[in-house]
Amino acid sequence: MTAPLVFITGASSGIGQNLAGRFYAAGYRLALVARRESELRQWAEHKRLAPERCAVYGADVRDLPSIAAAGAACLALQGLPDVVIANAGISVGMDTAVASDLEVMRATYETNNLGMAATFQPFVDGMCQRGSGRLVGVASVAGIRGLPGHGAYCSSKAAAIAYCESLRGECRPYGVQVVTIVPGYVDTPLTRENRYSMPFLMQPQDFADRAFKAIESGTSYRVIPWQMRFIGL
């Protein structure tokens, strides 16, 4: 297959699933990763995605051997991706005064930060040697300004933004682009748990279309929708 390949984590629902659909519509082959492998396979079957253009890998980005195995399987079965999207993430409220909530922070960092680096790791050397590729980190406007009760999530997304900025400088000399996508509020199972106003709430298909265009253009940093840049600050 000569069609480009995209590797996406957290692809069983929400932003990840809609990004998968958008890239598929653009002619990409898909390497889709999720903890809920059976649900992801059911979605792919329901959408009638061609088996020769779509492979599903079960992995948890918190489990380093698990996500490493998924990356290795992708390389062996489908080849080196053109785009890698580290999308898997969790958002759980925390109260620093509650000792047990420190484990919430640990799990959040392991998923949103260590999981992002572990998603990119199998592909960085290959992309640099090839001289092309895009590594895409999905952050959040919550990483720009902290929200009460969400210290773990907000700080993890701030770290994701800074990590991608560091990685961008490391990869630029080799022709590999690092793209930071910073979503505002998107109507997904994650945000439906929120009990507060969500300005400029986007439908996931609309978000996926804008994110796809930003990734294809190779922009380094994009807040979607753009209005959230001013609210976040």
C-alpha atoms as a PDB file:
ATOM      1  CA  MET A   1       0.000   0.000   0.000  1.00  0.00           C
ATOM      2  CA  THR A   2       1.300   3.439  -0.939  1.00  0.00           C
ATOM      3  CA  ALA A   3      -1.392   5.400   0.898  1.00  0.00           C
ATOM      4  CA  PRO A   4      -0.111   7.357   3.912  1.00  0.00           C
ATOM      5  CA  LEU A   5      -0.509   5.822   7.371  1.00  0.00           C
ATOM      6  CA  VAL A   6      -1.763   7.449  10.590  1.00  0.00           C
ATOM      7  CA  PHE A   7      -1.337   5.915  14.060  1.00  0.00           C
ATOM      8  CA  ILE A   8      -3.934   7.147  16.605  1.00  0.00           C
ATOM      9  CA  THR A   9      -4.286   6.313  20.295  1.00  0.00           C
ATOM     10  CA  GLY A  10      -7.540   6.653  22.199  1.00  0.00           C
ATOM     11  CA  ALA A  11      -9.404   5.827  19.001  1.00  0.00           C
ATOM     12  CA  SER A  12     -12.404   4.016  20.493  1.00  0.00           C
ATOM     13  CA  SER A  13     -14.470   7.160  21.118  1.00  0.00           C
ATOM     14  CA  GLY A  14     -14.639  10.945  21.019  1.00  0.00           C
ATOM     15  CA  ILE A  15     -11.888  12.963  19.377  1.00  0.00           C
ATOM     16  CA  GLY A  16      -9.778   9.928  18.489  1.00  0.00           C
ATOM     17  CA  GLN A  17     -12.588   8.108  16.748  1.00  0.00           C
ATOM     18  CA  ASN A  18     -13.611  11.168  14.760  1.00  0.00           C
ATOM     19  CA  LEU A  19     -10.012  11.845  13.751  1.00  0.00           C
ATOM     20  CA  ALA A  20      -9.804   8.256  12.530  1.00  0.00           C
ATOM     21  CA  GLY A  21     -12.893   8.773  10.380  1.00  0.00           C
ATOM     22  CA  ARG A  22     -11.562  12.028   8.956  1.00  0.00           C
ATOM     23  CA  PHE A  23      -8.158  10.600   8.056  1.00  0.00           C
ATOM     24  CA  TYR A  24      -9.785   7.540   6.491  1.00  0.00           C
ATOM     25  CA  ALA A  25     -11.998   9.797   4.351  1.00  0.00           C
ATOM     26  CA  ALA A  26      -8.843  11.577   3.184  1.00  0.00           C
ATOM     27  CA  GLY A  27      -7.376   8.296   1.920  1.00  0.00           C
ATOM     28  CA  TYR A  28      -5.125   7.368   4.828  1.00  0.00           C
ATOM     29  CA  ARG A  29      -4.529   3.878   6.133  1.00  0.00           C
ATOM     30  CA  LEU A  30      -5.314   3.591   9.825  1.00  0.00           C
ATOM     31  CA  ALA A  31      -3.449   2.085  12.776  1.00  0.00           C
ATOM     32  CA  LEU A  32      -5.902   2.498  15.644  1.00  0.00           C
ATOM     33  CA  VAL A  33      -5.089   1.915  19.307  1.00  0.00           C
ATOM     34  CA  ALA A  34      -7.392   1.714  22.330  1.00  0.00           C
ATOM     35  CA  ARG A  35      -7.816  -0.078  25.640  1.00  0.00           C
ATOM     36  CA  ARG A  36     -11.333  -1.015  24.552  1.00  0.00           C
ATOM     37  CA  GLU A  37     -10.187  -3.042  21.578  1.00  0.00           C
ATOM     38  CA  SER A  38     -13.484  -4.868  21.036  1.00  0.00           C
ATOM     39  CA  GLU A  39     -15.446  -1.606  20.893  1.00  0.00           C
ATOM     40  CA  LEU A  40     -12.963  -0.198  18.412  1.00  0.00           C
ATOM     41  CA  ARG A  41     -13.238  -3.266  16.205  1.00  0.00           C
ATOM     42  CA  GLN A  42     -17.035  -3.044  16.310  1.00  0.00           C
ATOM     43  CA  TRP A  43     -16.892   0.595  15.250  1.00  0.00           C
ATOM     44  CA  ALA A  44     -14.543  -0.210  12.358  1.00  0.00           C
ATOM     45  CA  GLU A  45     -16.867  -2.985  11.216  1.00  0.00           C
ATOM     46  CA  HIS A  46     -19.922  -0.754  11.573  1.00  0.00           C
ATOM     47  CA  LYS A  47     -18.244   1.915   9.426  1.00  0.00           C
ATOM     48  CA  ARG A  48     -17.220  -0.775   6.925  1.00  0.00           C
ATOM     49  CA  LEU A  49     -13.608   0.288   6.959  1.00  0.00           C
ATOM     50  CA  ALA A  50     -11.636  -1.779   4.458  1.00  0.00           C
ATOM     51  CA  PRO A  51      -9.515  -4.354   6.339  1.00  0.00           C
ATOM     52  CA  GLU A  52      -6.515  -3.636   4.117  1.00  0.00           C
ATOM     53  CA  ARG A  53      -6.691   0.015   5.202  1.00  0.00           C
ATOM     54  CA  CYS A  54      -7.388  -0.386   8.900  1.00  0.00           C
ATOM     55  CA  ALA A  55      -5.676  -2.321  11.694  1.00  0.00           C
ATOM     56  CA  VAL A  56      -6.693  -2.285  15.357  1.00  0.00           C
ATOM     57  CA  TYR A  57      -4.299  -2.743  18.282  1.00  0.00           C
ATOM     58  CA  GLY A  58      -5.310  -3.188  21.885  1.00  0.00           C
ATOM     59  CA  ALA A  59      -3.060  -1.251  24.269  1.00  0.00           C
ATOM     60  CA  ASP A  60      -3.099   0.946  27.352  1.00  0.00           C
ATOM     61  CA  VAL A  61      -0.711   3.914  27.049  1.00  0.00           C
ATOM     62  CA  ARG A  62      -0.083   3.735  30.824  1.00  0.00           C
ATOM     63  CA  ASP A  63       1.334   0.248  30.331  1.00  0.00           C
ATOM     64  CA  LEU A  64       4.669   0.892  28.633  1.00  0.00           C
ATOM     65  CA  PRO A  65       5.214  -2.666  27.327  1.00  0.00           C
ATOM     66  CA  SER A  66       1.649  -2.621  25.989  1.00  0.00           C
ATOM     67  CA  ILE A  67       1.953   0.564  23.934  1.00  0.00           C
ATOM     68  CA  ALA A  68       5.478  -0.395  22.848  1.00  0.00           C
ATOM     69  CA  ALA A  69       4.109  -3.691  21.530  1.00  0.00           C
ATOM     70  CA  ALA A  70       1.390  -1.853  19.613  1.00  0.00           C
ATOM     71  CA  GLY A  71       3.988   0.404  18.008  1.00  0.00           C
ATOM     72  CA  ALA A  72       6.176  -2.556  17.092  1.00  0.00           C
ATOM     73  CA  ALA A  73       3.214  -4.411  15.595  1.00  0.00           C
ATOM     74  CA  CYS A  74       2.298  -1.376  13.500  1.00  0.00           C
ATOM     75  CA  LEU A  75       5.844  -1.113  12.169  1.00  0.00           C
ATOM     76  CA  ALA A  76       5.919  -4.815  11.326  1.00  0.00           C
ATOM     77  CA  LEU A  77       2.454  -5.071   9.762  1.00  0.00           C
ATOM     78  CA  GLN A  78       1.842  -1.647   8.242  1.00  0.00           C
ATOM     79  CA  GLY A  79       5.161   0.170   8.159  1.00  0.00           C
ATOM     80  CA  LEU A  80       6.383   3.484   9.523  1.00  0.00           C
ATOM     81  CA  PRO A  81       3.502   5.951   9.960  1.00  0.00           C
ATOM     82  CA  ASP A  82       3.412   9.330   8.294  1.00  0.00           C
ATOM     83  CA  VAL A  83       1.415  10.778  11.196  1.00  0.00           C
ATOM     84  CA  VAL A  84       1.313   9.683  14.848  1.00  0.00           C
ATOM     85  CA  ILE A  85      -1.422  11.195  17.032  1.00  0.00           C
ATOM     86  CA  ALA A  86      -1.067  10.839  20.799  1.00  0.00           C
ATOM     87  CA  ASN A  87      -4.696  11.413  21.677  1.00  0.00           C
ATOM     88  CA  ALA A  88      -5.373   9.063  24.607  1.00  0.00           C
ATOM     89  CA  GLY A  89      -6.120  10.980  27.774  1.00  0.00           C
ATOM     90  CA  ILE A  90      -8.167  11.066  30.965  1.00  0.00           C
ATOM     91  CA  SER A  91      -9.718  13.841  33.039  1.00  0.00           C
ATOM     92  CA  VAL A  92     -10.555  13.170  36.685  1.00  0.00           C
ATOM     93  CA  GLY A  93     -11.152  15.819  39.319  1.00  0.00           C
ATOM     94  CA  MET A  94      -8.882  15.936  42.349  1.00  0.00           C
ATOM     95  CA  ASP A  95      -8.638  17.606  45.748  1.00  0.00           C
ATOM     96  CA  THR A  96      -5.073  18.055  47.002  1.00  0.00           C
ATOM     97  CA  ALA A  97      -6.344  17.901  50.586  1.00  0.00           C
ATOM     98  CA  VAL A  98      -7.432  14.284  50.004  1.00  0.00           C
ATOM     99  CA  ALA A  99      -4.451  11.927  50.242  1.00  0.00           C
ATOM    100  CA  SER A 100      -5.970   9.285  47.967  1.00  0.00           C
ATOM    101  CA  ASP A 101      -6.355  11.854  45.186  1.00  0.00           C
ATOM    102  CA  LEU A 102      -2.589  11.870  44.758  1.00  0.00           C
ATOM    103  CA  GLU A 103      -3.138   8.551  42.988  1.00  0.00           C
ATOM    104  CA  VAL A 104      -5.551  10.371  40.671  1.00  0.00           C
ATOM    105  CA  MET A 105      -2.722  12.735  39.781  1.00  0.00           C
ATOM    106  CA  ARG A 106      -0.345   9.818  39.224  1.00  0.00           C
ATOM    107  CA  ALA A 107      -2.778   8.077  36.877  1.00  0.00           C
ATOM    108  CA  THR A 108      -3.444  11.314  34.998  1.00  0.00           C
ATOM    109  CA  TYR A 109       0.243  12.028  34.442  1.00  0.00           C
ATOM    110  CA  GLU A 110       0.933   8.433  33.458  1.00  0.00           C
ATOM    111  CA  THR A 111      -1.804   8.595  30.813  1.00  0.00           C
ATOM    112  CA  ASN A 112      -1.591  12.162  29.541  1.00  0.00           C
ATOM    113  CA  ASN A 113       2.182  12.675  29.698  1.00  0.00           C
ATOM    114  CA  LEU A 114       4.130   9.439  29.942  1.00  0.00           C
ATOM    115  CA  GLY A 115       1.571   7.860  27.607  1.00  0.00           C
ATOM    116  CA  MET A 116       2.153  10.591  25.025  1.00  0.00           C
ATOM    117  CA  ALA A 117       5.917  10.072  25.048  1.00  0.00           C
ATOM    118  CA  ALA A 118       5.461   6.289  24.921  1.00  0.00           C
ATOM    119  CA  THR A 119       3.180   6.684  21.897  1.00  0.00           C
ATOM    120  CA  PHE A 120       5.821   8.653  19.988  1.00  0.00           C
ATOM    121  CA  GLN A 121       8.857   6.659  21.108  1.00  0.00           C
ATOM    122  CA  PRO A 122       8.669   3.679  18.677  1.00  0.00           C
ATOM    123  CA  PHE A 123       8.536   6.006  15.670  1.00  0.00           C
ATOM    124  CA  VAL A 124      10.855   8.937  16.378  1.00  0.00           C
ATOM    125  CA  ASP A 125      14.096   7.369  15.149  1.00  0.00           C
ATOM    126  CA  GLY A 126      12.505   5.975  12.009  1.00  0.00           C
ATOM    127  CA  MET A 127      10.908   9.292  11.106  1.00  0.00           C
ATOM    128  CA  CYS A 128      14.162  11.179  11.710  1.00  0.00           C
ATOM    129  CA  GLN A 129      16.099   8.727   9.564  1.00  0.00           C
ATOM    130  CA  ARG A 130      13.471   9.007   6.828  1.00  0.00           C
ATOM    131  CA  GLY A 131      13.479  12.789   7.112  1.00  0.00           C
ATOM    132  CA  SER A 132       9.710  13.232   7.326  1.00  0.00           C
ATOM    133  CA  GLY A 133       6.689  12.669   9.503  1.00  0.00           C
ATOM    134  CA  ARG A 134       4.378  14.397  11.939  1.00  0.00           C
ATOM    135  CA  LEU A 135       4.090  13.745  15.663  1.00  0.00           C
ATOM    136  CA  VAL A 136       0.829  15.192  16.971  1.00  0.00           C
ATOM    137  CA  GLY A 137       0.158  15.791  20.653  1.00  0.00           C
ATOM    138  CA  VAL A 138      -3.433  16.471  21.736  1.00  0.00           C
ATOM    139  CA  ALA A 139      -3.341  18.895  24.665  1.00  0.00           C
ATOM    140  CA  SER A 140      -6.145  21.188  25.931  1.00  0.00           C
ATOM    141  CA  VAL A 141      -6.890  24.838  26.655  1.00  0.00           C
ATOM    142  CA  ALA A 142      -7.029  23.605  30.259  1.00  0.00           C
ATOM    143  CA  GLY A 143      -3.239  23.510  29.977  1.00  0.00           C
ATOM    144  CA  ILE A 144      -3.209  27.288  29.458  1.00  0.00           C
ATOM    145  CA  ARG A 145      -5.223  28.223  32.529  1.00  0.00           C
ATOM    146  CA  GLY A 146      -5.915  26.019  35.533  1.00  0.00           C
ATOM    147  CA  LEU A 147      -9.451  25.191  36.650  1.00  0.00           C
ATOM    148  CA  PRO A 148     -10.365  24.667  40.321  1.00  0.00           C
ATOM    149  CA  GLY A 149     -10.750  20.995  41.124  1.00  0.00           C
ATOM    150  CA  HIS A 150      -8.850  19.925  38.015  1.00  0.00           C
ATOM    151  CA  GLY A 151      -5.247  20.399  39.096  1.00  0.00           C
ATOM    152  CA  ALA A 152      -4.144  17.020  37.781  1.00  0.00           C
ATOM    153  CA  TYR A 153      -5.711  17.407  34.341  1.00  0.00           C
ATOM    154  CA  CYS A 154      -4.750  21.063  33.821  1.00  0.00           C
ATOM    155  CA  SER A 155      -1.158  20.575  34.902  1.00  0.00           C
ATOM    156  CA  SER A 156      -0.837  17.437  32.753  1.00  0.00           C
ATOM    157  CA  LYS A 157      -1.993  19.350  29.688  1.00  0.00           C
ATOM    158  CA  ALA A 158       0.379  22.232  30.441  1.00  0.00           C
ATOM    159  CA  ALA A 159       3.147  19.646  30.599  1.00  0.00           C
ATOM    160  CA  ALA A 160       1.963  18.146  27.293  1.00  0.00           C
ATOM    161  CA  ILE A 161       2.240  21.548  25.615  1.00  0.00           C
ATOM    162  CA  ALA A 162       5.760  22.094  26.973  1.00  0.00           C
ATOM    163  CA  TYR A 163       6.815  18.545  26.089  1.00  0.00           C
ATOM    164  CA  CYS A 164       5.700  18.954  22.487  1.00  0.00           C
ATOM    165  CA  GLU A 165       7.566  22.250  22.286  1.00  0.00           C
ATOM    166  CA  SER A 166      10.751  20.539  23.462  1.00  0.00           C
ATOM    167  CA  LEU A 167      10.275  17.632  21.079  1.00  0.00           C
ATOM    168  CA  ARG A 168       9.657  20.042  18.213  1.00  0.00           C
ATOM    169  CA  GLY A 169      13.086  21.564  18.673  1.00  0.00           C
ATOM    170  CA  GLU A 170      14.705  18.131  18.810  1.00  0.00           C
ATOM    171  CA  CYS A 171      13.009  16.841  15.643  1.00  0.00           C
ATOM    172  CA  ARG A 172      13.061  19.960  13.452  1.00  0.00           C
ATOM    173  CA  PRO A 173      16.634  19.437  12.173  1.00  0.00           C
ATOM    174  CA  TYR A 174      15.596  16.031  10.815  1.00  0.00           C
ATOM    175  CA  GLY A 175      12.539  17.212   8.903  1.00  0.00           C
ATOM    176  CA  VAL A 176      10.029  15.808  11.396  1.00  0.00           C
ATOM    177  CA  GLN A 177       7.224  18.149  12.448  1.00  0.00           C
ATOM    178  CA  VAL A 178       5.662  18.202  15.907  1.00  0.00           C
ATOM    179  CA  VAL A 179       2.116  19.550  15.988  1.00  0.00           C
ATOM    180  CA  THR A 180       0.358  20.574  19.204  1.00  0.00           C
ATOM    181  CA  ILE A 181      -3.435  20.503  18.928  1.00  0.00           C
ATOM    182  CA  VAL A 182      -5.139  22.409  21.758  1.00  0.00           C
ATOM    183  CA  PRO A 183      -8.874  21.643  21.877  1.00  0.00           C
ATOM    184  CA  GLY A 184     -11.432  23.781  23.595  1.00  0.00           C
ATOM    185  CA  TYR A 185     -14.693  22.097  24.559  1.00  0.00           C
ATOM    186  CA  VAL A 186     -15.700  19.211  22.283  1.00  0.00           C
ATOM    187  CA  ASP A 187     -18.919  17.237  22.752  1.00  0.00           C
ATOM    188  CA  THR A 188     -17.482  13.861  23.805  1.00  0.00           C
ATOM    189  CA  PRO A 189     -18.133  11.367  26.628  1.00  0.00           C
ATOM    190  CA  LEU A 190     -15.332  13.133  28.536  1.00  0.00           C
ATOM    191  CA  THR A 191     -16.916  16.602  28.492  1.00  0.00           C
ATOM    192  CA  ARG A 192     -20.457  15.349  29.071  1.00  0.00           C
ATOM    193  CA  GLU A 193     -19.446  14.818  32.688  1.00  0.00           C
ATOM    194  CA  ASN A 194     -18.828  18.562  33.113  1.00  0.00           C
ATOM    195  CA  ARG A 195     -21.304  20.487  35.257  1.00  0.00           C
ATOM    196  CA  TYR A 196     -20.332  23.981  34.161  1.00  0.00           C
ATOM    197  CA  SER A 197     -20.718  26.218  31.125  1.00  0.00           C
ATOM    198  CA  MET A 198     -18.679  25.189  28.090  1.00  0.00           C
ATOM    199  CA  PRO A 199     -18.343  28.128  25.673  1.00  0.00           C
ATOM    200  CA  PHE A 200     -17.943  27.449  21.960  1.00  0.00           C
ATOM    201  CA  LEU A 201     -18.752  23.754  22.437  1.00  0.00           C
ATOM    202  CA  MET A 202     -17.897  21.946  19.192  1.00  0.00           C
ATOM    203  CA  GLN A 203     -19.256  18.814  17.615  1.00  0.00           C
ATOM    204  CA  PRO A 204     -16.513  16.179  17.319  1.00  0.00           C
ATOM    205  CA  GLN A 205     -16.816  15.908  13.531  1.00  0.00           C
ATOM    206  CA  ASP A 206     -16.272  19.651  13.147  1.00  0.00           C
ATOM    207  CA  PHE A 207     -13.304  19.533  15.504  1.00  0.00           C
ATOM    208  CA  ALA A 208     -11.794  16.568  13.638  1.00  0.00           C
ATOM    209  CA  ASP A 209     -12.064  18.409  10.315  1.00  0.00           C
ATOM    210  CA  ARG A 210     -10.285  21.498  11.672  1.00  0.00           C
ATOM    211  CA  ALA A 211      -7.644  19.416  13.418  1.00  0.00           C
ATOM    212  CA  PHE A 212      -7.024  17.401  10.242  1.00  0.00           C
ATOM    213  CA  LYS A 213      -6.427  20.587   8.263  1.00  0.00           C
ATOM    214  CA  ALA A 214      -4.061  21.918  10.926  1.00  0.00           C
ATOM    215  CA  ILE A 215      -2.094  18.660  10.977  1.00  0.00           C
ATOM    216  CA  GLU A 216      -1.894  18.488   7.196  1.00  0.00           C
ATOM    217  CA  SER A 217      -0.639  22.074   7.034  1.00  0.00           C
ATOM    218  CA  GLY A 218       2.152  21.216   9.473  1.00  0.00           C
ATOM    219  CA  THR A 219       1.324  24.078  11.830  1.00  0.00           C
ATOM    220  CA  SER A 220       3.243  23.858  15.091  1.00  0.00           C
ATOM    221  CA  TYR A 221       0.462  24.902  17.486  1.00  0.00           C
ATOM    222  CA  ARG A 222      -3.273  25.296  16.941  1.00  0.00           C
ATOM    223  CA  VAL A 223      -6.079  26.144  19.365  1.00  0.00           C
ATOM    224  CA  ILE A 224      -9.453  24.828  18.145  1.00  0.00           C
ATOM    225  CA  PRO A 225     -11.742  26.740  18.031  1.00  0.00           C
ATOM    226  CA  TRP A 226      -9.600  29.854  17.733  1.00  0.00           C
ATOM    227  CA  GLN A 227     -11.874  31.843  20.074  1.00  0.00           C
ATOM    228  CA  MET A 228     -10.705  29.716  23.005  1.00  0.00           C
ATOM    229  CA  ARG A 229      -7.245  31.271  22.741  1.00  0.00           C
ATOM    230  CA  PHE A 230      -8.654  34.432  24.281  1.00  0.00           C
ATOM    231  CA  ILE A 231     -10.900  32.744  26.835  1.00  0.00           C
ATOM    232  CA  GLY A 232      -8.065  30.462  27.911  1.00  0.00           C
ATOM    233  CA  LEU A 233      -5.823  33.425  28.560  1.00  0.00           C
END
